[in-house]
């Protein structure tokens, strides 16, 4: 493992959580943040044919939620939000006074989208973590 990579994913309990092979013995602290990376194909420069390096595939950003002596549990901390919805209501007033004044009431409101925890992108055992 190179200096860039701090640890390795040793378990993936669910789509939001990974366990890494580092704990209090390696100064991991609750709340510490990491980037989970998978490694893809080696990228080759088309001009020079030089092998540049392996493509890093970002699985997600995680923070430490529990630390043990040799392992740590990390959970996704990124959120997604569904789109806001715009709602326009037009009330046609049928009273005699409203008919004379030709008044209709239009109300516009925005309903905020729902916020939910973002899943890790296909994290798997053997992926790496990088300190943020």
C-alpha atoms as a PDB file:
ATOM      1  CA  UNK A   1       0.000   0.000   0.000  1.00  0.00           C
ATOM      2  CA  UNK A   2       1.333   3.441  -0.897  1.00  0.00           C
ATOM      3  CA  UNK A   3       1.577   6.419   1.465  1.00  0.00           C
ATOM      4  CA  UNK A   4      -1.503   7.936  -0.192  1.00  0.00           C
ATOM      5  CA  UNK A   5      -3.766   5.172   1.074  1.00  0.00           C
ATOM      6  CA  UNK A   6      -4.348   5.106   4.823  1.00  0.00           C
ATOM      7  CA  UNK A   7      -6.221   1.826   5.124  1.00  0.00           C
ATOM      8  CA  UNK A   8      -8.205  -0.900   3.416  1.00  0.00           C
ATOM      9  CA  UNK A   9     -11.910  -1.742   3.552  1.00  0.00           C
ATOM     10  CA  UNK A  10     -12.252  -5.113   5.306  1.00  0.00           C
ATOM     11  CA  UNK A  11     -16.069  -5.311   5.505  1.00  0.00           C
ATOM     12  CA  UNK A  12     -19.126  -3.637   3.988  1.00  0.00           C
ATOM     13  CA  UNK A  13     -22.042  -4.143   6.415  1.00  0.00           C
ATOM     14  CA  UNK A  14     -24.512  -2.107   4.324  1.00  0.00           C
ATOM     15  CA  UNK A  15     -24.703   0.441   1.505  1.00  0.00           C
ATOM     16  CA  UNK A  16     -23.808   3.330   3.842  1.00  0.00           C
ATOM     17  CA  UNK A  17     -21.079   1.716   5.969  1.00  0.00           C
ATOM     18  CA  UNK A  18     -17.558   0.295   5.649  1.00  0.00           C
ATOM     19  CA  UNK A  19     -15.134  -1.156   8.189  1.00  0.00           C
ATOM     20  CA  UNK A  20     -11.410  -0.466   7.746  1.00  0.00           C
ATOM     21  CA  UNK A  21      -8.297  -2.179   9.081  1.00  0.00           C
ATOM     22  CA  UNK A  22      -7.185   0.763  11.227  1.00  0.00           C
ATOM     23  CA  UNK A  23      -8.213   1.722  14.752  1.00  0.00           C
ATOM     24  CA  UNK A  24      -6.939   3.373  17.901  1.00  0.00           C
ATOM     25  CA  UNK A  25      -3.541   1.732  17.321  1.00  0.00           C
ATOM     26  CA  UNK A  26      -3.266   3.962  14.233  1.00  0.00           C
ATOM     27  CA  UNK A  27      -4.648   7.141  15.864  1.00  0.00           C
ATOM     28  CA  UNK A  28      -8.072   6.903  14.200  1.00  0.00           C
ATOM     29  CA  UNK A  29     -10.523   9.208  15.986  1.00  0.00           C
ATOM     30  CA  UNK A  30     -14.296   9.423  16.125  1.00  0.00           C
ATOM     31  CA  UNK A  31     -15.580  11.894  13.515  1.00  0.00           C
ATOM     32  CA  UNK A  32     -12.427  11.725  11.356  1.00  0.00           C
ATOM     33  CA  UNK A  33     -13.224  11.945   7.622  1.00  0.00           C
ATOM     34  CA  UNK A  34     -12.056   9.749   4.765  1.00  0.00           C
ATOM     35  CA  UNK A  35     -12.592   9.205   1.052  1.00  0.00           C
ATOM     36  CA  UNK A  36     -13.331   5.612  -0.015  1.00  0.00           C
ATOM     37  CA  UNK A  37     -11.684   4.685  -3.333  1.00  0.00           C
ATOM     38  CA  UNK A  38     -11.705   1.668  -5.594  1.00  0.00           C
ATOM     39  CA  UNK A  39      -8.949   1.202  -8.144  1.00  0.00           C
ATOM     40  CA  UNK A  40      -9.776   0.850 -11.814  1.00  0.00           C
ATOM     41  CA  UNK A  41      -7.720   0.202 -14.922  1.00  0.00           C
ATOM     42  CA  UNK A  42      -4.237   1.553 -15.528  1.00  0.00           C
ATOM     43  CA  UNK A  43      -4.479   4.717 -17.600  1.00  0.00           C
ATOM     44  CA  UNK A  44      -2.078   4.839 -20.534  1.00  0.00           C
ATOM     45  CA  UNK A  45      -1.024   8.068 -22.231  1.00  0.00           C
ATOM     46  CA  UNK A  46      -2.070   7.649 -25.896  1.00  0.00           C
ATOM     47  CA  UNK A  47       0.843   9.750 -27.170  1.00  0.00           C
ATOM     48  CA  UNK A  48       3.752   8.407 -25.143  1.00  0.00           C
ATOM     49  CA  UNK A  49       2.268   4.960 -24.328  1.00  0.00           C
ATOM     50  CA  UNK A  50       3.474   5.554 -20.769  1.00  0.00           C
ATOM     51  CA  UNK A  51       1.517   3.836 -18.016  1.00  0.00           C
ATOM     52  CA  UNK A  52       0.352   6.774 -15.913  1.00  0.00           C
ATOM     53  CA  UNK A  53      -1.394   5.221 -12.924  1.00  0.00           C
ATOM     54  CA  UNK A  54      -4.532   3.336 -11.887  1.00  0.00           C
ATOM     55  CA  UNK A  55      -7.776   5.272 -12.089  1.00  0.00           C
ATOM     56  CA  UNK A  56      -9.241   5.987  -8.648  1.00  0.00           C
ATOM     57  CA  UNK A  57     -12.987   5.390  -8.513  1.00  0.00           C
ATOM     58  CA  UNK A  58     -14.621   7.463  -5.781  1.00  0.00           C
ATOM     59  CA  UNK A  59     -17.079   5.372  -3.756  1.00  0.00           C
ATOM     60  CA  UNK A  60     -18.017   8.138  -1.312  1.00  0.00           C
ATOM     61  CA  UNK A  61     -17.071  10.249   1.681  1.00  0.00           C
ATOM     62  CA  UNK A  62     -17.313   8.745   5.146  1.00  0.00           C
ATOM     63  CA  UNK A  63     -16.676   9.678   8.754  1.00  0.00           C
ATOM     64  CA  UNK A  64     -15.662   7.481  11.658  1.00  0.00           C
ATOM     65  CA  UNK A  65     -18.659   6.495  13.785  1.00  0.00           C
ATOM     66  CA  UNK A  66     -16.969   3.864  15.992  1.00  0.00           C
ATOM     67  CA  UNK A  67     -13.323   3.061  16.743  1.00  0.00           C
ATOM     68  CA  UNK A  68     -11.902  -0.170  18.118  1.00  0.00           C
ATOM     69  CA  UNK A  69      -8.280  -1.127  18.684  1.00  0.00           C
ATOM     70  CA  UNK A  70      -7.594  -2.526  15.190  1.00  0.00           C
ATOM     71  CA  UNK A  71     -10.677  -1.606  13.141  1.00  0.00           C
ATOM     72  CA  UNK A  72     -13.024   1.349  12.648  1.00  0.00           C
ATOM     73  CA  UNK A  73     -16.571   1.702  11.364  1.00  0.00           C
ATOM     74  CA  UNK A  74     -17.118   4.534   8.887  1.00  0.00           C
ATOM     75  CA  UNK A  75     -20.477   5.813   7.640  1.00  0.00           C
ATOM     76  CA  UNK A  76     -21.429   7.975   4.695  1.00  0.00           C
ATOM     77  CA  UNK A  77     -21.963  11.602   5.695  1.00  0.00           C
ATOM     78  CA  UNK A  78     -23.076  12.978   2.343  1.00  0.00           C
ATOM     79  CA  UNK A  79     -26.709  13.758   1.712  1.00  0.00           C
ATOM     80  CA  UNK A  80     -28.810  14.008  -1.417  1.00  0.00           C
ATOM     81  CA  UNK A  81     -32.021  15.923  -1.798  1.00  0.00           C
ATOM     82  CA  UNK A  82     -34.939  15.363  -4.092  1.00  0.00           C
ATOM     83  CA  UNK A  83     -35.894  18.366  -6.202  1.00  0.00           C
ATOM     84  CA  UNK A  84     -38.000  21.142  -4.738  1.00  0.00           C
ATOM     85  CA  UNK A  85     -41.567  21.229  -6.035  1.00  0.00           C
ATOM     86  CA  UNK A  86     -43.220  24.442  -7.121  1.00  0.00           C
ATOM     87  CA  UNK A  87     -46.929  24.637  -6.402  1.00  0.00           C
ATOM     88  CA  UNK A  88     -49.168  27.338  -7.857  1.00  0.00           C
ATOM     89  CA  UNK A  89     -52.770  27.662  -6.700  1.00  0.00           C
ATOM     90  CA  UNK A  90     -55.290  29.922  -8.367  1.00  0.00           C
ATOM     91  CA  UNK A  91     -58.466  30.654  -6.465  1.00  0.00           C
ATOM     92  CA  UNK A  92     -61.285  32.030  -8.607  1.00  0.00           C
ATOM     93  CA  UNK A  93     -63.413  34.233  -6.357  1.00  0.00           C
ATOM     94  CA  UNK A  94     -67.091  33.997  -7.266  1.00  0.00           C
ATOM     95  CA  UNK A  95     -68.436  36.640  -4.906  1.00  0.00           C
ATOM     96  CA  UNK A  96     -70.217  39.688  -6.330  1.00  0.00           C
ATOM     97  CA  UNK A  97     -67.523  42.013  -5.059  1.00  0.00           C
ATOM     98  CA  UNK A  98     -64.745  39.873  -6.596  1.00  0.00           C
ATOM     99  CA  UNK A  99     -66.599  39.761  -9.914  1.00  0.00           C
ATOM    100  CA  UNK A 100     -66.715  43.560 -10.030  1.00  0.00           C
ATOM    101  CA  UNK A 101     -63.032  43.857  -9.166  1.00  0.00           C
ATOM    102  CA  UNK A 102     -62.013  40.895 -11.383  1.00  0.00           C
ATOM    103  CA  UNK A 103     -59.786  39.572  -8.661  1.00  0.00           C
ATOM    104  CA  UNK A 104     -58.398  36.094  -8.464  1.00  0.00           C
ATOM    105  CA  UNK A 105     -55.981  34.950  -5.820  1.00  0.00           C
ATOM    106  CA  UNK A 106     -52.809  33.219  -6.911  1.00  0.00           C
ATOM    107  CA  UNK A 107     -50.487  31.677  -4.363  1.00  0.00           C
ATOM    108  CA  UNK A 108     -47.137  30.206  -5.173  1.00  0.00           C
ATOM    109  CA  UNK A 109     -45.200  28.032  -2.802  1.00  0.00           C
ATOM    110  CA  UNK A 110     -42.110  25.881  -2.949  1.00  0.00           C
ATOM    111  CA  UNK A 111     -42.128  22.543  -1.193  1.00  0.00           C
ATOM    112  CA  UNK A 112     -38.554  21.649  -0.256  1.00  0.00           C
ATOM    113  CA  UNK A 113     -37.205  18.323  -1.488  1.00  0.00           C
ATOM    114  CA  UNK A 114     -36.566  15.532   0.981  1.00  0.00           C
ATOM    115  CA  UNK A 115     -33.062  15.028   2.328  1.00  0.00           C
ATOM    116  CA  UNK A 116     -31.655  11.507   2.538  1.00  0.00           C
ATOM    117  CA  UNK A 117     -28.309   9.862   3.219  1.00  0.00           C
ATOM    118  CA  UNK A 118     -26.290   9.125   0.089  1.00  0.00           C
ATOM    119  CA  UNK A 119     -25.270   5.502  -0.445  1.00  0.00           C
ATOM    120  CA  UNK A 120     -21.659   4.583  -1.095  1.00  0.00           C
ATOM    121  CA  UNK A 121     -21.066   3.797  -4.763  1.00  0.00           C
ATOM    122  CA  UNK A 122     -20.532   0.016  -4.805  1.00  0.00           C
ATOM    123  CA  UNK A 123     -17.940  -0.015  -2.004  1.00  0.00           C
ATOM    124  CA  UNK A 124     -16.294  -3.419  -1.624  1.00  0.00           C
ATOM    125  CA  UNK A 125     -13.737  -5.253   0.460  1.00  0.00           C
ATOM    126  CA  UNK A 126     -10.260  -4.285  -0.772  1.00  0.00           C
ATOM    127  CA  UNK A 127     -11.118  -0.650  -1.530  1.00  0.00           C
ATOM    128  CA  UNK A 128      -8.826   1.969  -0.019  1.00  0.00           C
ATOM    129  CA  UNK A 129      -9.424   4.953   2.249  1.00  0.00           C
ATOM    130  CA  UNK A 130      -7.637   8.307   2.063  1.00  0.00           C
ATOM    131  CA  UNK A 131      -7.623  10.854   4.897  1.00  0.00           C
ATOM    132  CA  UNK A 132      -9.454  14.075   4.121  1.00  0.00           C
END
